[in-house]
Amino acid sequence: MISTVTVTTVSTITTIAGLGMAAALSIAAIVTLIAFLTTKELVSVRADGYSERIGRFLSVGITPLLMVFVAVVILAITEVVMV
């Protein structure tokens, strides 16, 4: 009996912690995406070589963050539809 309760408790806590970590990582990725997009937009106003390099550097990070954002949106829509 005690071992069953312990296994169930550990399983529940692990699931809750995993969901919390996923939400925290999703929020961090979206905030980073917003920061990168804002910085790229501000840098694109200037025409010097340094700004162009920063813009290219930010493009490398924006692409995977956009994919993460799309995945988060699809998962959120799927959760709403499934309920």
PDB file of N, CA and C in Angstrom:
ATOM      1  N   MET A   1       0.831  -1.198   0.000  1.00  0.00           N
ATOM      2  CA  MET A   1       0.000   0.000   0.000  1.00  0.00           C
ATOM      3  C   MET A   1       0.868   1.252   0.000  1.00  0.00           C
ATOM      4  N   ILE A   2       1.860   1.297   0.881  1.00  0.00           N
ATOM      5  CA  ILE A   2       2.713   2.480   0.975  1.00  0.00           C
ATOM      6  C   ILE A   2       3.509   2.675  -0.307  1.00  0.00           C
ATOM      7  N   SER A   3       3.986   1.588  -0.903  1.00  0.00           N
ATOM      8  CA  SER A   3       4.763   1.724  -2.138  1.00  0.00           C
ATOM      9  C   SER A   3       3.895   2.241  -3.280  1.00  0.00           C
ATOM     10  N   THR A   4       2.630   1.860  -3.329  1.00  0.00           N
ATOM     11  CA  THR A   4       1.718   2.349  -4.364  1.00  0.00           C
ATOM     12  C   THR A   4       1.470   3.843  -4.202  1.00  0.00           C
ATOM     13  N   VAL A   5       1.261   4.271  -2.980  1.00  0.00           N
ATOM     14  CA  VAL A   5       1.041   5.696  -2.721  1.00  0.00           C
ATOM     15  C   VAL A   5       2.291   6.496  -3.058  1.00  0.00           C
ATOM     16  N   THR A   6       3.446   5.971  -2.714  1.00  0.00           N
ATOM     17  CA  THR A   6       4.706   6.663  -3.005  1.00  0.00           C
ATOM     18  C   THR A   6       4.918   6.797  -4.501  1.00  0.00           C
ATOM     19  N   VAL A   7       4.694   5.735  -5.239  1.00  0.00           N
ATOM     20  CA  VAL A   7       4.862   5.778  -6.697  1.00  0.00           C
ATOM     21  C   VAL A   7       3.876   6.761  -7.319  1.00  0.00           C
ATOM     22  N   THR A   8       2.633   6.744  -6.864  1.00  0.00           N
ATOM     23  CA  THR A   8       1.624   7.669  -7.391  1.00  0.00           C
ATOM     24  C   THR A   8       1.990   9.108  -7.069  1.00  0.00           C
ATOM     25  N   THR A   9       2.445   9.365  -5.876  1.00  0.00           N
ATOM     26  CA  THR A   9       2.827  10.716  -5.470  1.00  0.00           C
ATOM     27  C   THR A   9       4.003  11.224  -6.290  1.00  0.00           C
ATOM     28  N   VAL A  10       5.003  10.399  -6.441  1.00  0.00           N
ATOM     29  CA  VAL A  10       6.178  10.794  -7.222  1.00  0.00           C
ATOM     30  C   VAL A  10       5.787  11.039  -8.673  1.00  0.00           C
ATOM     31  N   SER A  11       4.946  10.197  -9.223  1.00  0.00           N
ATOM     32  CA  SER A  11       4.495  10.355 -10.604  1.00  0.00           C
ATOM     33  C   SER A  11       3.724  11.662 -10.793  1.00  0.00           C
ATOM     34  N   THR A  12       2.848  11.974  -9.856  1.00  0.00           N
ATOM     35  CA  THR A  12       2.069  13.211  -9.934  1.00  0.00           C
ATOM     36  C   THR A  12       2.958  14.439  -9.817  1.00  0.00           C
ATOM     37  N   ILE A  13       3.873  14.424  -8.883  1.00  0.00           N
ATOM     38  CA  ILE A  13       4.779  15.562  -8.694  1.00  0.00           C
ATOM     39  C   ILE A  13       5.665  15.747  -9.918  1.00  0.00           C
ATOM     40  N   THR A  14       6.143  14.661 -10.500  1.00  0.00           N
ATOM     41  CA  THR A  14       6.976  14.746 -11.694  1.00  0.00           C
ATOM     42  C   THR A  14       6.195  15.328 -12.861  1.00  0.00           C
ATOM     43  N   THR A  15       4.949  14.917 -13.018  1.00  0.00           N
ATOM     44  CA  THR A  15       4.110  15.438 -14.109  1.00  0.00           C
ATOM     45  C   THR A  15       3.864  16.929 -13.935  1.00  0.00           C
ATOM     46  N   ILE A  16       3.529  17.340 -12.727  1.00  0.00           N
ATOM     47  CA  ILE A  16       3.277  18.761 -12.460  1.00  0.00           C
ATOM     48  C   ILE A  16       4.539  19.582 -12.681  1.00  0.00           C
ATOM     49  N   ALA A  17       5.662  19.077 -12.215  1.00  0.00           N
ATOM     50  CA  ALA A  17       6.932  19.794 -12.404  1.00  0.00           C
ATOM     51  C   ALA A  17       7.287  19.876 -13.871  1.00  0.00           C
ATOM     52  N   GLY A  18       7.032  18.818 -14.615  1.00  0.00           N
ATOM     53  CA  GLY A  18       7.311  18.825 -16.048  1.00  0.00           C
ATOM     54  C   GLY A  18       6.455  19.832 -16.786  1.00  0.00           C
ATOM     55  N   LEU A  19       5.193  19.921 -16.428  1.00  0.00           N
ATOM     56  CA  LEU A  19       4.308  20.898 -17.071  1.00  0.00           C
ATOM     57  C   LEU A  19       4.721  22.322 -16.721  1.00  0.00           C
ATOM     58  N   GLY A  20       5.136  22.536 -15.485  1.00  0.00           N
ATOM     59  CA  GLY A  20       5.586  23.857 -15.070  1.00  0.00           C
ATOM     60  C   GLY A  20       6.853  24.273 -15.788  1.00  0.00           C
ATOM     61  N   MET A  21       7.764  23.337 -15.967  1.00  0.00           N
ATOM     62  CA  MET A  21       9.009  23.617 -16.663  1.00  0.00           C
ATOM     63  C   MET A  21       8.740  23.920 -18.131  1.00  0.00           C
ATOM     64  N   ALA A  22       7.818  23.181 -18.747  1.00  0.00           N
ATOM     65  CA  ALA A  22       7.479  23.424 -20.157  1.00  0.00           C
ATOM     66  C   ALA A  22       6.874  24.807 -20.330  1.00  0.00           C
ATOM     67  N   ALA A  23       6.016  25.205 -19.405  1.00  0.00           N
ATOM     68  CA  ALA A  23       5.404  26.529 -19.490  1.00  0.00           C
ATOM     69  C   ALA A  23       6.457  27.616 -19.300  1.00  0.00           C
ATOM     70  N   ALA A  24       7.360  27.412 -18.363  1.00  0.00           N
ATOM     71  CA  ALA A  24       8.416  28.405 -18.124  1.00  0.00           C
ATOM     72  C   ALA A  24       9.331  28.532 -19.337  1.00  0.00           C
ATOM     73  N   LEU A  25       9.684  27.413 -19.947  1.00  0.00           N
ATOM     74  CA  LEU A  25      10.535  27.461 -21.131  1.00  0.00           C
ATOM     75  C   LEU A  25       9.814  28.102 -22.315  1.00  0.00           C
ATOM     76  N   SER A  26       8.518  27.846 -22.441  1.00  0.00           N
ATOM     77  CA  SER A  26       7.744  28.470 -23.512  1.00  0.00           C
ATOM     78  C   SER A  26       7.703  29.983 -23.342  1.00  0.00           C
ATOM     79  N   ILE A  27       7.473  30.430 -22.131  1.00  0.00           N
ATOM     80  CA  ILE A  27       7.440  31.868 -21.868  1.00  0.00           C
ATOM     81  C   ILE A  27       8.805  32.493 -22.125  1.00  0.00           C
ATOM     82  N   ALA A  28       9.862  31.822 -21.698  1.00  0.00           N
ATOM     83  CA  ALA A  28      11.212  32.337 -21.929  1.00  0.00           C
ATOM     84  C   ALA A  28      11.517  32.434 -23.419  1.00  0.00           C
ATOM     85  N   ALA A  29      11.108  31.434 -24.190  1.00  0.00           N
ATOM     86  CA  ALA A  29      11.345  31.457 -25.637  1.00  0.00           C
ATOM     87  C   ALA A  29      10.572  32.585 -26.306  1.00  0.00           C
ATOM     88  N   ILE A  30       9.346  32.811 -25.895  1.00  0.00           N
ATOM     89  CA  ILE A  30       8.533  33.873 -26.502  1.00  0.00           C
ATOM     90  C   ILE A  30       9.076  35.249 -26.138  1.00  0.00           C
ATOM     91  N   VAL A  31       9.491  35.428 -24.903  1.00  0.00           N
ATOM     92  CA  VAL A  31      10.084  36.709 -24.495  1.00  0.00           C
ATOM     93  C   VAL A  31      11.379  36.970 -25.262  1.00  0.00           C
ATOM     94  N   THR A  32      12.190  35.927 -25.436  1.00  0.00           N
ATOM     95  CA  THR A  32      13.428  36.070 -26.198  1.00  0.00           C
ATOM     96  C   THR A  32      13.129  36.406 -27.649  1.00  0.00           C
ATOM     97  N   LEU A  33      12.117  35.769 -28.236  1.00  0.00           N
ATOM     98  CA  LEU A  33      11.720  36.068 -29.611  1.00  0.00           C
ATOM     99  C   LEU A  33      11.295  37.523 -29.748  1.00  0.00           C
ATOM    100  N   ILE A  34      10.503  38.008 -28.810  1.00  0.00           N
ATOM    101  CA  ILE A  34      10.069  39.411 -28.853  1.00  0.00           C
ATOM    102  C   ILE A  34      11.271  40.346 -28.749  1.00  0.00           C
ATOM    103  N   ALA A  35      12.203  40.024 -27.861  1.00  0.00           N
ATOM    104  CA  ALA A  35      13.398  40.856 -27.703  1.00  0.00           C
ATOM    105  C   ALA A  35      14.237  40.854 -28.979  1.00  0.00           C
ATOM    106  N   PHE A  36      14.430  39.689 -29.599  1.00  0.00           N
ATOM    107  CA  PHE A  36      15.200  39.605 -30.840  1.00  0.00           C
ATOM    108  C   PHE A  36      14.526  40.378 -31.962  1.00  0.00           C
ATOM    109  N   LEU A  37      13.197  40.215 -32.101  1.00  0.00           N
ATOM    110  CA  LEU A  37      12.485  40.916 -33.172  1.00  0.00           C
ATOM    111  C   LEU A  37      12.534  42.427 -32.978  1.00  0.00           C
ATOM    112  N   THR A  38      12.384  42.869 -31.743  1.00  0.00           N
ATOM    113  CA  THR A  38      12.446  44.305 -31.449  1.00  0.00           C
ATOM    114  C   THR A  38      13.833  44.858 -31.744  1.00  0.00           C
ATOM    115  N   THR A  39      14.853  44.149 -31.305  1.00  0.00           N
ATOM    116  CA  THR A  39      16.229  44.597 -31.544  1.00  0.00           C
ATOM    117  C   THR A  39      16.537  44.616 -33.033  1.00  0.00           C
ATOM    118  N   LYS A  40      16.099  43.600 -33.761  1.00  0.00           N
ATOM    119  CA  LYS A  40      16.352  43.566 -35.201  1.00  0.00           C
ATOM    120  C   LYS A  40      15.662  44.737 -35.903  1.00  0.00           C
ATOM    121  N   GLU A  41      14.460  45.048 -35.492  1.00  0.00           N
ATOM    122  CA  GLU A  41      13.743  46.173 -36.095  1.00  0.00           C
ATOM    123  C   GLU A  41      14.455  47.497 -35.802  1.00  0.00           C
ATOM    124  N   LEU A  42      14.920  47.657 -34.573  1.00  0.00           N
ATOM    125  CA  LEU A  42      15.633  48.885 -34.225  1.00  0.00           C
ATOM    126  C   LEU A  42      16.973  48.989 -34.945  1.00  0.00           C
ATOM    127  N   VAL A  43      17.651  47.872 -35.123  1.00  0.00           N
ATOM    128  CA  VAL A  43      18.949  47.865 -35.792  1.00  0.00           C
ATOM    129  C   VAL A  43      18.788  48.105 -37.292  1.00  0.00           C
ATOM    130  N   SER A  44      17.670  47.666 -37.862  1.00  0.00           N
ATOM    131  CA  SER A  44      17.478  47.805 -39.310  1.00  0.00           C
ATOM    132  C   SER A  44      17.317  49.258 -39.744  1.00  0.00           C
ATOM    133  N   VAL A  45      17.076  50.156 -38.813  1.00  0.00           N
ATOM    134  CA  VAL A  45      16.933  51.578 -39.146  1.00  0.00           C
ATOM    135  C   VAL A  45      18.276  52.167 -39.565  1.00  0.00           C
ATOM    136  N   ARG A  46      19.335  51.718 -38.912  1.00  0.00           N
ATOM    137  CA  ARG A  46      20.675  52.211 -39.241  1.00  0.00           C
ATOM    138  C   ARG A  46      21.207  51.498 -40.474  1.00  0.00           C
ATOM    139  N   ALA A  47      22.129  52.142 -41.189  1.00  0.00           N
ATOM    140  CA  ALA A  47      22.626  51.574 -42.441  1.00  0.00           C
ATOM    141  C   ALA A  47      24.108  51.203 -42.387  1.00  0.00           C
ATOM    142  N   ASP A  48      24.737  51.243 -41.233  1.00  0.00           N
ATOM    143  CA  ASP A  48      26.165  50.919 -41.187  1.00  0.00           C
ATOM    144  C   ASP A  48      26.392  49.406 -41.137  1.00  0.00           C
ATOM    145  N   GLY A  49      27.628  48.994 -41.359  1.00  0.00           N
ATOM    146  CA  GLY A  49      27.970  47.579 -41.427  1.00  0.00           C
ATOM    147  C   GLY A  49      27.770  46.849 -40.122  1.00  0.00           C
ATOM    148  N   TYR A  50      28.034  47.511 -39.016  1.00  0.00           N
ATOM    149  CA  TYR A  50      27.865  46.881 -37.711  1.00  0.00           C
ATOM    150  C   TYR A  50      26.402  46.499 -37.473  1.00  0.00           C
ATOM    151  N   SER A  51      25.505  47.385 -37.828  1.00  0.00           N
ATOM    152  CA  SER A  51      24.078  47.108 -37.646  1.00  0.00           C
ATOM    153  C   SER A  51      23.625  45.961 -38.539  1.00  0.00           C
ATOM    154  N   GLU A  52      24.161  45.899 -39.748  1.00  0.00           N
ATOM    155  CA  GLU A  52      23.797  44.801 -40.638  1.00  0.00           C
ATOM    156  C   GLU A  52      24.269  43.462 -40.081  1.00  0.00           C
ATOM    157  N   ARG A  53      25.460  43.431 -39.480  1.00  0.00           N
ATOM    158  CA  ARG A  53      25.960  42.198 -38.865  1.00  0.00           C
ATOM    159  C   ARG A  53      25.092  41.769 -37.689  1.00  0.00           C
ATOM    160  N   ILE A  54      24.681  42.727 -36.888  1.00  0.00           N
ATOM    161  CA  ILE A  54      23.807  42.399 -35.752  1.00  0.00           C
ATOM    162  C   ILE A  54      22.473  41.861 -36.274  1.00  0.00           C
ATOM    163  N   GLY A  55      21.961  42.467 -37.344  1.00  0.00           N
ATOM    164  CA  GLY A  55      20.711  41.997 -37.936  1.00  0.00           C
ATOM    165  C   GLY A  55      20.813  40.565 -38.430  1.00  0.00           C
ATOM    166  N   ARG A  56      21.943  40.218 -39.083  1.00  0.00           N
ATOM    167  CA  ARG A  56      22.154  38.843 -39.548  1.00  0.00           C
ATOM    168  C   ARG A  56      22.312  37.889 -38.372  1.00  0.00           C
ATOM    169  N   PHE A  57      23.014  38.334 -37.348  1.00  0.00           N
ATOM    170  CA  PHE A  57      23.188  37.512 -36.152  1.00  0.00           C
ATOM    171  C   PHE A  57      21.837  37.213 -35.496  1.00  0.00           C
ATOM    172  N   LEU A  58      20.976  38.213 -35.425  1.00  0.00           N
ATOM    173  CA  LEU A  58      19.671  38.013 -34.806  1.00  0.00           C
ATOM    174  C   LEU A  58      18.782  37.110 -35.653  1.00  0.00           C
ATOM    175  N   SER A  59      18.946  37.144 -36.968  1.00  0.00           N
ATOM    176  CA  SER A  59      18.150  36.279 -37.839  1.00  0.00           C
ATOM    177  C   SER A  59      18.413  34.808 -37.558  1.00  0.00           C
ATOM    178  N   VAL A  60      19.651  34.493 -37.186  1.00  0.00           N
ATOM    179  CA  VAL A  60      19.994  33.107 -36.865  1.00  0.00           C
ATOM    180  C   VAL A  60      19.198  32.631 -35.647  1.00  0.00           C
ATOM    181  N   GLY A  61      18.990  33.496 -34.677  1.00  0.00           N
ATOM    182  CA  GLY A  61      18.234  33.121 -33.483  1.00  0.00           C
ATOM    183  C   GLY A  61      16.732  33.211 -33.658  1.00  0.00           C
ATOM    184  N   ILE A  62      16.285  34.084 -34.549  1.00  0.00           N
ATOM    185  CA  ILE A  62      14.845  34.296 -34.726  1.00  0.00           C
ATOM    186  C   ILE A  62      14.184  33.081 -35.373  1.00  0.00           C
ATOM    187  N   THR A  63      14.847  32.464 -36.329  1.00  0.00           N
ATOM    188  CA  THR A  63      14.242  31.345 -37.052  1.00  0.00           C
ATOM    189  C   THR A  63      13.858  30.183 -36.136  1.00  0.00           C
ATOM    190  N   PRO A  64      14.749  29.661 -35.296  1.00  0.00           N
ATOM    191  CA  PRO A  64      14.309  28.565 -34.416  1.00  0.00           C
ATOM    192  C   PRO A  64      13.303  29.017 -33.358  1.00  0.00           C
ATOM    193  N   LEU A  65      13.421  30.256 -32.906  1.00  0.00           N
ATOM    194  CA  LEU A  65      12.446  30.744 -31.925  1.00  0.00           C
ATOM    195  C   LEU A  65      11.057  30.876 -32.537  1.00  0.00           C
ATOM    196  N   LEU A  66      10.983  31.222 -33.823  1.00  0.00           N
ATOM    197  CA  LEU A  66       9.685  31.251 -34.502  1.00  0.00           C
ATOM    198  C   LEU A  66       9.086  29.848 -34.589  1.00  0.00           C
ATOM    199  N   MET A  67       9.939  28.848 -34.822  1.00  0.00           N
ATOM    200  CA  MET A  67       9.448  27.469 -34.867  1.00  0.00           C
ATOM    201  C   MET A  67       8.914  27.042 -33.497  1.00  0.00           C
ATOM    202  N   VAL A  68       9.605  27.436 -32.438  1.00  0.00           N
ATOM    203  CA  VAL A  68       9.137  27.128 -31.081  1.00  0.00           C
ATOM    204  C   VAL A  68       7.812  27.832 -30.812  1.00  0.00           C
ATOM    205  N   PHE A  69       7.700  29.084 -31.240  1.00  0.00           N
ATOM    206  CA  PHE A  69       6.461  29.837 -31.048  1.00  0.00           C
ATOM    207  C   PHE A  69       5.297  29.158 -31.768  1.00  0.00           C
ATOM    208  N   VAL A  70       5.519  28.725 -32.996  1.00  0.00           N
ATOM    209  CA  VAL A  70       4.463  28.036 -33.747  1.00  0.00           C
ATOM    210  C   VAL A  70       4.076  26.743 -33.041  1.00  0.00           C
ATOM    211  N   ALA A  71       5.051  26.007 -32.534  1.00  0.00           N
ATOM    212  CA  ALA A  71       4.758  24.766 -31.811  1.00  0.00           C
ATOM    213  C   ALA A  71       3.947  25.040 -30.546  1.00  0.00           C
ATOM    214  N   VAL A  72       4.294  26.098 -29.823  1.00  0.00           N
ATOM    215  CA  VAL A  72       3.553  26.455 -28.604  1.00  0.00           C
ATOM    216  C   VAL A  72       2.115  26.824 -28.943  1.00  0.00           C
ATOM    217  N   VAL A  73       1.930  27.592 -30.005  1.00  0.00           N
ATOM    218  CA  VAL A  73       0.577  27.989 -30.414  1.00  0.00           C
ATOM    219  C   VAL A  73      -0.232  26.763 -30.831  1.00  0.00           C
ATOM    220  N   ILE A  74       0.369  25.871 -31.608  1.00  0.00           N
ATOM    221  CA  ILE A  74      -0.345  24.665 -32.040  1.00  0.00           C
ATOM    222  C   ILE A  74      -0.722  23.802 -30.843  1.00  0.00           C
ATOM    223  N   LEU A  75       0.184  23.644 -29.892  1.00  0.00           N
ATOM    224  CA  LEU A  75      -0.131  22.860 -28.697  1.00  0.00           C
ATOM    225  C   LEU A  75      -1.235  23.505 -27.866  1.00  0.00           C
ATOM    226  N   ALA A  76      -1.212  24.829 -27.757  1.00  0.00           N
ATOM    227  CA  ALA A  76      -2.256  25.524 -26.992  1.00  0.00           C
ATOM    228  C   ALA A  76      -3.616  25.366 -27.664  1.00  0.00           C
ATOM    229  N   ILE A  77      -3.649  25.480 -28.980  1.00  0.00           N
ATOM    230  CA  ILE A  77      -4.912  25.300 -29.718  1.00  0.00           C
ATOM    231  C   ILE A  77      -5.400  23.868 -29.575  1.00  0.00           C
ATOM    232  N   THR A  78      -4.470  22.916 -29.653  1.00  0.00           N
ATOM    233  CA  THR A  78      -4.846  21.502 -29.508  1.00  0.00           C
ATOM    234  C   THR A  78      -5.411  21.224 -28.128  1.00  0.00           C
ATOM    235  N   GLU A  79      -4.832  21.811 -27.098  1.00  0.00           N
ATOM    236  CA  GLU A  79      -5.363  21.627 -25.738  1.00  0.00           C
ATOM    237  C   GLU A  79      -6.763  22.174 -25.603  1.00  0.00           C
ATOM    238  N   VAL A  80      -7.026  23.321 -26.216  1.00  0.00           N
ATOM    239  CA  VAL A  80      -8.347  23.931 -26.131  1.00  0.00           C
ATOM    240  C   VAL A  80      -9.369  23.094 -26.896  1.00  0.00           C
ATOM    241  N   VAL A  81      -8.992  22.619 -28.064  1.00  0.00           N
ATOM    242  CA  VAL A  81      -9.916  21.839 -28.879  1.00  0.00           C
ATOM    243  C   VAL A  81     -10.221  20.489 -28.240  1.00  0.00           C
ATOM    244  N   MET A  82      -9.232  19.872 -27.612  1.00  0.00           N
ATOM    245  CA  MET A  82      -9.413  18.554 -27.012  1.00  0.00           C
ATOM    246  C   MET A  82     -10.276  18.584 -25.752  1.00  0.00           C
ATOM    247  N   VAL A  83     -10.346  19.707 -25.085  1.00  0.00           N
ATOM    248  CA  VAL A  83     -11.115  19.791 -23.845  1.00  0.00           C
ATOM    249  C   VAL A  83     -12.548  19.975 -24.162  1.00  0.00           C
TER     250      VAL A  83
END
